[in-house]
């Protein structure tokens, strides 16, 4: 898995820093912040991964993007890891545009959406690109590691 995460302090973090995102929606009943699920949002994620963090070359990201595009093109609601990936990347992008560095933006986005890093990739992607993932990713999803 991508090991660019750094420690980040929760001090001075905005409670809803993504309200200025063009794809921002609102907090849902659980208090989680969400974005509109559409191809415009996916294009924002693509720009972010391409320009901000050089993450589109990361094969698991490409695979997640492809599956999300397929789902949105078929008017399917994003759920599970696909929703978490989409939401987290859009929020991370907006935070970076507001001046936060990658590590802080990444960790803040996880916190805002109440998501564990292991939740950002689906079990299928983890299994397909196993060399990029570790034991905690497998354990999170209950995937048996084949020897």
N, C-alpha and C. Protein backbone atom coordinates (compact mmCIF):
# COMPACT_ATOMS: atom_id res chain seq x y z
N UNK A 1 0.84 -1.17 0.00
CA UNK A 1 0.00 0.00 0.00
C UNK A 1 0.88 1.24 0.00
N UNK A 2 0.39 2.33 -0.48
CA UNK A 2 1.11 3.58 -0.56
C UNK A 2 1.49 4.03 0.85
N UNK A 3 2.75 4.22 1.11
CA UNK A 3 3.22 4.55 2.46
C UNK A 3 3.56 6.02 2.61
N UNK A 4 2.86 6.93 1.94
CA UNK A 4 3.14 8.35 2.04
C UNK A 4 2.44 9.00 3.21
N UNK A 5 1.69 8.24 4.01
CA UNK A 5 0.97 8.82 5.13
C UNK A 5 1.94 9.34 6.17
N UNK A 6 1.59 10.46 6.75
CA UNK A 6 2.38 11.01 7.84
C UNK A 6 1.48 11.29 9.01
N UNK A 7 2.06 11.60 10.13
CA UNK A 7 1.26 11.96 11.29
C UNK A 7 0.69 13.34 11.09
N UNK A 8 -0.50 13.54 11.58
CA UNK A 8 -1.13 14.82 11.40
C UNK A 8 -1.90 15.16 12.65
N UNK A 9 -1.76 16.38 13.07
CA UNK A 9 -2.43 16.85 14.27
C UNK A 9 -3.86 17.24 13.95
N UNK A 10 -4.76 17.02 14.89
CA UNK A 10 -6.15 17.41 14.67
C UNK A 10 -6.40 18.86 15.05
N UNK A 11 -5.38 19.54 15.54
CA UNK A 11 -5.54 20.94 15.93
C UNK A 11 -5.78 21.80 14.71
N UNK A 12 -6.64 22.77 14.85
CA UNK A 12 -6.94 23.75 13.80
C UNK A 12 -7.54 23.15 12.54
N UNK A 13 -8.16 22.00 12.64
CA UNK A 13 -8.79 21.40 11.47
C UNK A 13 -10.20 21.96 11.32
N UNK A 14 -10.56 22.38 10.12
CA UNK A 14 -11.93 22.86 9.92
C UNK A 14 -12.91 21.71 10.05
N UNK A 15 -14.08 21.98 10.61
CA UNK A 15 -15.06 20.90 10.79
C UNK A 15 -15.66 20.46 9.46
N UNK A 16 -15.89 21.38 8.55
CA UNK A 16 -16.40 21.03 7.22
C UNK A 16 -15.62 21.85 6.20
N UNK A 17 -14.37 21.46 5.95
CA UNK A 17 -13.52 22.26 5.09
C UNK A 17 -13.82 22.11 3.61
N UNK A 18 -14.72 21.22 3.27
CA UNK A 18 -14.93 20.93 1.86
C UNK A 18 -16.17 21.60 1.30
N UNK A 19 -16.78 22.49 2.04
CA UNK A 19 -18.01 23.12 1.57
C UNK A 19 -17.81 23.89 0.28
N UNK A 20 -16.59 24.33 0.01
CA UNK A 20 -16.34 25.08 -1.21
C UNK A 20 -16.12 24.19 -2.43
N UNK A 21 -16.10 22.89 -2.24
CA UNK A 21 -15.92 21.98 -3.36
C UNK A 21 -17.11 22.10 -4.30
N UNK A 22 -16.86 22.20 -5.61
CA UNK A 22 -17.97 22.32 -6.56
C UNK A 22 -18.87 21.09 -6.56
N UNK A 23 -18.39 19.99 -6.04
CA UNK A 23 -19.18 18.77 -6.02
C UNK A 23 -19.69 18.46 -4.62
N UNK A 24 -19.52 19.41 -3.70
CA UNK A 24 -19.92 19.18 -2.31
C UNK A 24 -21.43 19.08 -2.20
N UNK A 25 -21.87 18.24 -1.31
CA UNK A 25 -23.29 18.09 -1.05
C UNK A 25 -23.56 18.55 0.38
N UNK A 26 -23.65 17.67 1.31
CA UNK A 26 -23.94 18.05 2.68
C UNK A 26 -23.65 16.89 3.62
N UNK A 27 -23.88 17.15 4.88
CA UNK A 27 -23.75 16.07 5.86
C UNK A 27 -25.01 15.22 5.80
N UNK A 28 -24.82 13.91 5.91
CA UNK A 28 -25.97 13.01 5.91
C UNK A 28 -26.49 12.82 7.33
N UNK A 29 -27.45 11.94 7.51
CA UNK A 29 -28.07 11.72 8.82
C UNK A 29 -27.06 11.30 9.88
N UNK A 30 -26.02 10.60 9.47
CA UNK A 30 -25.02 10.13 10.43
C UNK A 30 -24.00 11.22 10.76
N UNK A 31 -24.08 12.35 10.06
CA UNK A 31 -23.14 13.43 10.29
C UNK A 31 -21.93 13.38 9.37
N UNK A 32 -21.89 12.39 8.49
CA UNK A 32 -20.79 12.27 7.55
C UNK A 32 -20.99 13.22 6.38
N UNK A 33 -19.91 13.77 5.92
CA UNK A 33 -19.96 14.68 4.79
C UNK A 33 -19.93 13.87 3.50
N UNK A 34 -20.70 14.27 2.52
CA UNK A 34 -20.71 13.52 1.27
C UNK A 34 -20.69 14.45 0.07
N UNK A 35 -20.29 13.90 -1.05
CA UNK A 35 -20.26 14.61 -2.33
C UNK A 35 -21.32 14.01 -3.24
N UNK A 36 -21.72 14.79 -4.22
CA UNK A 36 -22.61 14.26 -5.26
C UNK A 36 -21.81 13.21 -6.03
N UNK A 37 -22.46 12.11 -6.32
CA UNK A 37 -21.80 11.04 -7.05
C UNK A 37 -22.09 11.22 -8.54
N UNK A 38 -21.10 11.68 -9.29
CA UNK A 38 -21.28 11.85 -10.72
C UNK A 38 -19.93 11.85 -11.43
N UNK A 39 -19.97 11.85 -12.75
CA UNK A 39 -18.74 11.80 -13.52
C UNK A 39 -17.92 13.08 -13.38
N UNK A 40 -18.57 14.22 -13.08
CA UNK A 40 -17.82 15.45 -12.83
C UNK A 40 -16.93 15.27 -11.61
N UNK A 41 -17.49 14.67 -10.57
CA UNK A 41 -16.70 14.39 -9.37
C UNK A 41 -15.55 13.44 -9.67
N UNK A 42 -15.83 12.43 -10.48
CA UNK A 42 -14.79 11.48 -10.84
C UNK A 42 -13.67 12.17 -11.63
N UNK A 43 -14.04 13.11 -12.49
CA UNK A 43 -13.03 13.88 -13.22
C UNK A 43 -12.17 14.70 -12.27
N UNK A 44 -12.78 15.23 -11.20
CA UNK A 44 -12.01 15.95 -10.18
C UNK A 44 -11.02 15.01 -9.50
N UNK A 45 -11.48 13.80 -9.19
CA UNK A 45 -10.59 12.81 -8.58
C UNK A 45 -9.44 12.50 -9.53
N UNK A 46 -9.75 12.31 -10.81
CA UNK A 46 -8.71 12.00 -11.80
C UNK A 46 -7.68 13.13 -11.86
N UNK A 47 -8.15 14.39 -11.89
CA UNK A 47 -7.23 15.53 -11.92
C UNK A 47 -6.35 15.54 -10.67
N UNK A 48 -6.97 15.29 -9.55
CA UNK A 48 -6.23 15.28 -8.28
C UNK A 48 -5.16 14.18 -8.30
N UNK A 49 -5.54 12.99 -8.69
CA UNK A 49 -4.58 11.89 -8.70
C UNK A 49 -3.48 12.10 -9.73
N UNK A 50 -3.80 12.79 -10.82
CA UNK A 50 -2.82 13.04 -11.87
C UNK A 50 -1.89 14.20 -11.52
N UNK A 51 -2.47 15.30 -11.08
CA UNK A 51 -1.69 16.53 -10.89
C UNK A 51 -1.14 16.73 -9.49
N UNK A 52 -1.87 16.32 -8.49
CA UNK A 52 -1.49 16.65 -7.11
C UNK A 52 -0.61 15.61 -6.45
N UNK A 53 -0.86 14.36 -6.69
CA UNK A 53 -0.16 13.32 -5.93
C UNK A 53 0.46 12.23 -6.80
N UNK A 54 0.47 12.40 -8.11
CA UNK A 54 1.03 11.39 -9.02
C UNK A 54 0.50 10.00 -8.68
N UNK A 55 -0.76 9.94 -8.31
CA UNK A 55 -1.34 8.68 -7.88
C UNK A 55 -2.04 7.88 -8.94
N UNK A 56 -2.22 8.44 -10.13
CA UNK A 56 -2.94 7.69 -11.15
C UNK A 56 -2.08 6.58 -11.74
N UNK A 57 -0.76 6.67 -11.54
CA UNK A 57 0.12 5.59 -12.00
C UNK A 57 0.05 4.38 -11.09
N UNK A 58 -0.51 4.56 -9.89
CA UNK A 58 -0.64 3.47 -8.93
C UNK A 58 -1.77 2.56 -9.43
N UNK A 59 -1.42 1.32 -9.81
CA UNK A 59 -2.38 0.41 -10.44
C UNK A 59 -3.69 0.24 -9.67
N UNK A 60 -3.66 0.08 -8.34
CA UNK A 60 -4.94 -0.03 -7.63
C UNK A 60 -5.84 1.21 -7.80
N UNK A 61 -5.23 2.41 -7.87
CA UNK A 61 -6.02 3.62 -8.11
C UNK A 61 -6.68 3.58 -9.49
N UNK A 62 -5.91 3.18 -10.50
CA UNK A 62 -6.46 3.07 -11.86
C UNK A 62 -7.65 2.11 -11.87
N UNK A 63 -7.49 0.99 -11.19
CA UNK A 63 -8.56 -0.02 -11.17
C UNK A 63 -9.79 0.51 -10.44
N UNK A 64 -9.59 1.20 -9.32
CA UNK A 64 -10.72 1.78 -8.58
C UNK A 64 -11.42 2.82 -9.45
N UNK A 65 -10.65 3.66 -10.13
CA UNK A 65 -11.23 4.69 -11.01
C UNK A 65 -12.06 4.05 -12.13
N UNK A 66 -11.54 2.98 -12.71
CA UNK A 66 -12.26 2.30 -13.79
C UNK A 66 -13.59 1.74 -13.31
N UNK A 67 -13.58 1.10 -12.16
CA UNK A 67 -14.81 0.53 -11.60
C UNK A 67 -15.80 1.63 -11.23
N UNK A 68 -15.32 2.71 -10.64
CA UNK A 68 -16.20 3.83 -10.28
C UNK A 68 -16.81 4.44 -11.54
N UNK A 69 -16.01 4.61 -12.57
CA UNK A 69 -16.54 5.16 -13.83
C UNK A 69 -17.63 4.26 -14.39
N UNK A 70 -17.38 2.96 -14.36
CA UNK A 70 -18.38 1.99 -14.84
C UNK A 70 -19.68 2.11 -14.03
N UNK A 71 -19.55 2.18 -12.72
CA UNK A 71 -20.72 2.26 -11.85
C UNK A 71 -21.50 3.56 -12.11
N UNK A 72 -20.80 4.68 -12.16
CA UNK A 72 -21.48 5.97 -12.38
C UNK A 72 -22.10 6.04 -13.77
N UNK A 73 -21.42 5.49 -14.76
CA UNK A 73 -21.96 5.48 -16.13
C UNK A 73 -23.24 4.66 -16.23
N UNK A 74 -23.37 3.68 -15.34
CA UNK A 74 -24.58 2.84 -15.31
C UNK A 74 -25.58 3.31 -14.25
N UNK A 75 -25.40 4.55 -13.80
CA UNK A 75 -26.29 5.15 -12.80
C UNK A 75 -26.40 4.33 -11.52
N UNK A 76 -25.31 3.65 -11.15
CA UNK A 76 -25.28 2.90 -9.90
C UNK A 76 -24.75 3.80 -8.79
N UNK A 77 -25.31 3.64 -7.61
CA UNK A 77 -24.83 4.38 -6.45
C UNK A 77 -23.52 3.75 -6.00
N UNK A 78 -22.56 4.59 -5.67
CA UNK A 78 -21.30 4.08 -5.12
C UNK A 78 -21.52 3.68 -3.67
N UNK A 79 -21.01 2.52 -3.33
CA UNK A 79 -21.11 2.02 -1.96
C UNK A 79 -19.77 1.42 -1.56
N UNK A 80 -19.64 1.13 -0.28
CA UNK A 80 -18.46 0.45 0.22
C UNK A 80 -17.18 1.17 -0.13
N UNK A 81 -16.16 0.41 -0.50
CA UNK A 81 -14.85 0.97 -0.80
C UNK A 81 -14.89 1.97 -1.95
N UNK A 82 -15.78 1.75 -2.91
CA UNK A 82 -15.86 2.66 -4.05
C UNK A 82 -16.35 4.04 -3.61
N UNK A 83 -17.32 4.06 -2.73
CA UNK A 83 -17.80 5.33 -2.18
C UNK A 83 -16.72 5.97 -1.31
N UNK A 84 -16.10 5.16 -0.46
CA UNK A 84 -15.06 5.68 0.44
C UNK A 84 -13.89 6.27 -0.35
N UNK A 85 -13.44 5.58 -1.38
CA UNK A 85 -12.34 6.06 -2.22
C UNK A 85 -12.71 7.39 -2.87
N UNK A 86 -13.88 7.44 -3.49
CA UNK A 86 -14.37 8.64 -4.19
C UNK A 86 -14.48 9.81 -3.23
N UNK A 87 -15.14 9.60 -2.11
CA UNK A 87 -15.34 10.66 -1.11
C UNK A 87 -14.00 11.15 -0.56
N UNK A 88 -13.15 10.22 -0.18
CA UNK A 88 -11.88 10.59 0.43
C UNK A 88 -11.01 11.36 -0.55
N UNK A 89 -10.93 10.92 -1.78
CA UNK A 89 -10.09 11.60 -2.77
C UNK A 89 -10.62 12.99 -3.11
N UNK A 90 -11.94 13.14 -3.22
CA UNK A 90 -12.50 14.48 -3.48
C UNK A 90 -12.21 15.43 -2.32
N UNK A 91 -12.37 14.95 -1.12
CA UNK A 91 -12.11 15.78 0.05
C UNK A 91 -10.62 16.11 0.14
N UNK A 92 -9.79 15.12 -0.07
CA UNK A 92 -8.34 15.34 -0.05
C UNK A 92 -7.95 16.40 -1.08
N UNK A 93 -8.52 16.32 -2.27
CA UNK A 93 -8.24 17.29 -3.32
C UNK A 93 -8.62 18.70 -2.88
N UNK A 94 -9.79 18.84 -2.33
CA UNK A 94 -10.26 20.16 -1.89
C UNK A 94 -9.37 20.71 -0.79
N UNK A 95 -8.99 19.87 0.14
CA UNK A 95 -8.11 20.32 1.22
C UNK A 95 -6.75 20.76 0.69
N UNK A 96 -6.23 20.04 -0.28
CA UNK A 96 -4.94 20.44 -0.86
C UNK A 96 -5.08 21.77 -1.59
N UNK A 97 -6.20 22.00 -2.24
CA UNK A 97 -6.44 23.29 -2.90
C UNK A 97 -6.54 24.42 -1.87
N UNK A 98 -6.91 24.07 -0.64
CA UNK A 98 -7.00 25.07 0.42
C UNK A 98 -5.67 25.27 1.12
N UNK A 99 -4.63 24.60 0.64
CA UNK A 99 -3.29 24.83 1.16
C UNK A 99 -2.72 23.76 2.07
N UNK A 100 -3.47 22.72 2.37
CA UNK A 100 -2.95 21.64 3.20
C UNK A 100 -2.02 20.77 2.38
N UNK A 101 -0.97 20.25 3.01
CA UNK A 101 -0.07 19.32 2.35
C UNK A 101 -0.74 17.96 2.21
N UNK A 102 -0.12 17.11 1.40
CA UNK A 102 -0.72 15.80 1.13
C UNK A 102 -1.01 15.01 2.40
N UNK A 103 -0.01 14.85 3.26
CA UNK A 103 -0.21 14.00 4.45
C UNK A 103 -1.37 14.50 5.30
N UNK A 104 -1.38 15.79 5.58
CA UNK A 104 -2.47 16.34 6.40
C UNK A 104 -3.81 16.20 5.68
N UNK A 105 -3.85 16.53 4.40
CA UNK A 105 -5.12 16.43 3.64
C UNK A 105 -5.62 14.99 3.62
N UNK A 106 -4.72 14.05 3.42
CA UNK A 106 -5.11 12.65 3.37
C UNK A 106 -5.70 12.21 4.71
N UNK A 107 -4.98 12.48 5.77
CA UNK A 107 -5.44 12.07 7.10
C UNK A 107 -6.70 12.80 7.53
N UNK A 108 -6.81 14.08 7.19
CA UNK A 108 -8.01 14.84 7.52
C UNK A 108 -9.22 14.28 6.78
N UNK A 109 -9.03 13.93 5.51
CA UNK A 109 -10.14 13.38 4.72
C UNK A 109 -10.60 12.05 5.31
N UNK A 110 -9.68 11.22 5.75
CA UNK A 110 -10.05 9.97 6.40
C UNK A 110 -10.87 10.26 7.66
N UNK A 111 -10.42 11.24 8.42
CA UNK A 111 -11.12 11.59 9.66
C UNK A 111 -12.50 12.19 9.38
N UNK A 112 -12.58 13.07 8.41
CA UNK A 112 -13.86 13.70 8.06
C UNK A 112 -14.89 12.65 7.68
N UNK A 113 -14.47 11.65 6.94
CA UNK A 113 -15.39 10.61 6.46
C UNK A 113 -15.45 9.40 7.39
N UNK A 114 -14.68 9.46 8.48
CA UNK A 114 -14.67 8.37 9.46
C UNK A 114 -14.36 7.03 8.78
N UNK A 115 -13.27 7.04 8.01
CA UNK A 115 -12.89 5.87 7.21
C UNK A 115 -11.48 5.45 7.58
N UNK A 116 -11.28 4.15 7.68
CA UNK A 116 -9.94 3.59 7.89
C UNK A 116 -9.22 3.52 6.53
N UNK A 117 -7.91 3.69 6.51
CA UNK A 117 -7.18 3.61 5.23
C UNK A 117 -7.45 2.31 4.48
N UNK A 118 -7.64 1.21 5.21
CA UNK A 118 -7.87 -0.09 4.57
C UNK A 118 -9.21 -0.14 3.84
N UNK A 119 -10.11 0.77 4.14
CA UNK A 119 -11.44 0.77 3.52
C UNK A 119 -11.45 1.41 2.14
N UNK A 120 -10.34 2.00 1.73
CA UNK A 120 -10.32 2.75 0.47
C UNK A 120 -10.21 1.89 -0.78
N UNK A 121 -9.87 0.63 -0.62
CA UNK A 121 -9.75 -0.27 -1.77
C UNK A 121 -10.63 -1.48 -1.54
N UNK A 122 -11.35 -1.87 -2.58
CA UNK A 122 -12.27 -3.00 -2.46
C UNK A 122 -11.50 -4.31 -2.33
N UNK A 123 -12.15 -5.33 -1.77
CA UNK A 123 -11.48 -6.64 -1.67
C UNK A 123 -11.00 -7.16 -3.02
N UNK A 124 -11.77 -6.92 -4.06
CA UNK A 124 -11.38 -7.39 -5.41
C UNK A 124 -10.08 -6.73 -5.86
N UNK A 125 -9.97 -5.43 -5.60
CA UNK A 125 -8.76 -4.70 -6.00
C UNK A 125 -7.57 -5.17 -5.16
N UNK A 126 -7.79 -5.36 -3.88
CA UNK A 126 -6.72 -5.83 -3.00
C UNK A 126 -6.21 -7.19 -3.46
N UNK A 127 -7.12 -8.07 -3.83
CA UNK A 127 -6.69 -9.39 -4.29
C UNK A 127 -6.01 -9.33 -5.65
N UNK A 128 -6.51 -8.49 -6.54
CA UNK A 128 -5.93 -8.38 -7.88
C UNK A 128 -4.52 -7.78 -7.84
N UNK A 129 -4.32 -6.83 -6.94
CA UNK A 129 -3.03 -6.13 -6.85
C UNK A 129 -2.38 -6.39 -5.49
N UNK A 130 -2.32 -7.65 -5.11
CA UNK A 130 -1.90 -8.05 -3.77
C UNK A 130 -0.52 -7.53 -3.37
N UNK A 131 0.37 -7.34 -4.33
CA UNK A 131 1.73 -6.89 -3.98
C UNK A 131 1.74 -5.50 -3.36
N UNK A 132 0.67 -4.73 -3.55
CA UNK A 132 0.60 -3.37 -3.02
C UNK A 132 -0.07 -3.30 -1.65
N UNK A 133 -0.55 -4.41 -1.15
CA UNK A 133 -1.32 -4.41 0.09
C UNK A 133 -0.67 -5.30 1.13
N UNK A 134 -1.07 -5.11 2.38
CA UNK A 134 -0.45 -5.86 3.46
C UNK A 134 -1.49 -6.59 4.31
N UNK A 135 -1.00 -7.22 5.34
CA UNK A 135 -1.84 -8.05 6.20
C UNK A 135 -3.03 -7.28 6.77
N UNK A 136 -2.84 -6.02 7.15
CA UNK A 136 -3.95 -5.26 7.73
C UNK A 136 -5.07 -5.03 6.71
N UNK A 137 -4.71 -4.88 5.45
CA UNK A 137 -5.73 -4.72 4.40
C UNK A 137 -6.55 -6.00 4.26
N UNK A 138 -5.85 -7.13 4.25
CA UNK A 138 -6.52 -8.42 4.14
C UNK A 138 -7.41 -8.69 5.35
N UNK A 139 -6.88 -8.40 6.53
CA UNK A 139 -7.64 -8.63 7.75
C UNK A 139 -8.87 -7.73 7.82
N UNK A 140 -8.74 -6.49 7.41
CA UNK A 140 -9.86 -5.55 7.43
C UNK A 140 -11.06 -6.12 6.67
N UNK A 141 -10.78 -6.69 5.51
CA UNK A 141 -11.85 -7.22 4.65
C UNK A 141 -12.14 -8.70 4.89
N UNK A 142 -11.40 -9.34 5.77
CA UNK A 142 -11.62 -10.76 6.03
C UNK A 142 -11.18 -11.64 4.87
N UNK A 143 -10.16 -11.21 4.17
CA UNK A 143 -9.63 -11.96 3.03
C UNK A 143 -8.56 -12.92 3.52
N UNK A 144 -8.65 -14.17 3.11
CA UNK A 144 -7.64 -15.16 3.46
C UNK A 144 -6.44 -14.97 2.55
N UNK A 145 -5.28 -14.88 3.17
CA UNK A 145 -4.05 -14.73 2.41
C UNK A 145 -3.62 -16.09 1.91
N UNK A 146 -3.49 -16.17 0.58
CA UNK A 146 -3.10 -17.45 -0.04
C UNK A 146 -1.58 -17.53 -0.05
N UNK A 147 -1.08 -18.68 0.36
CA UNK A 147 0.38 -18.87 0.41
C UNK A 147 0.86 -19.63 -0.79
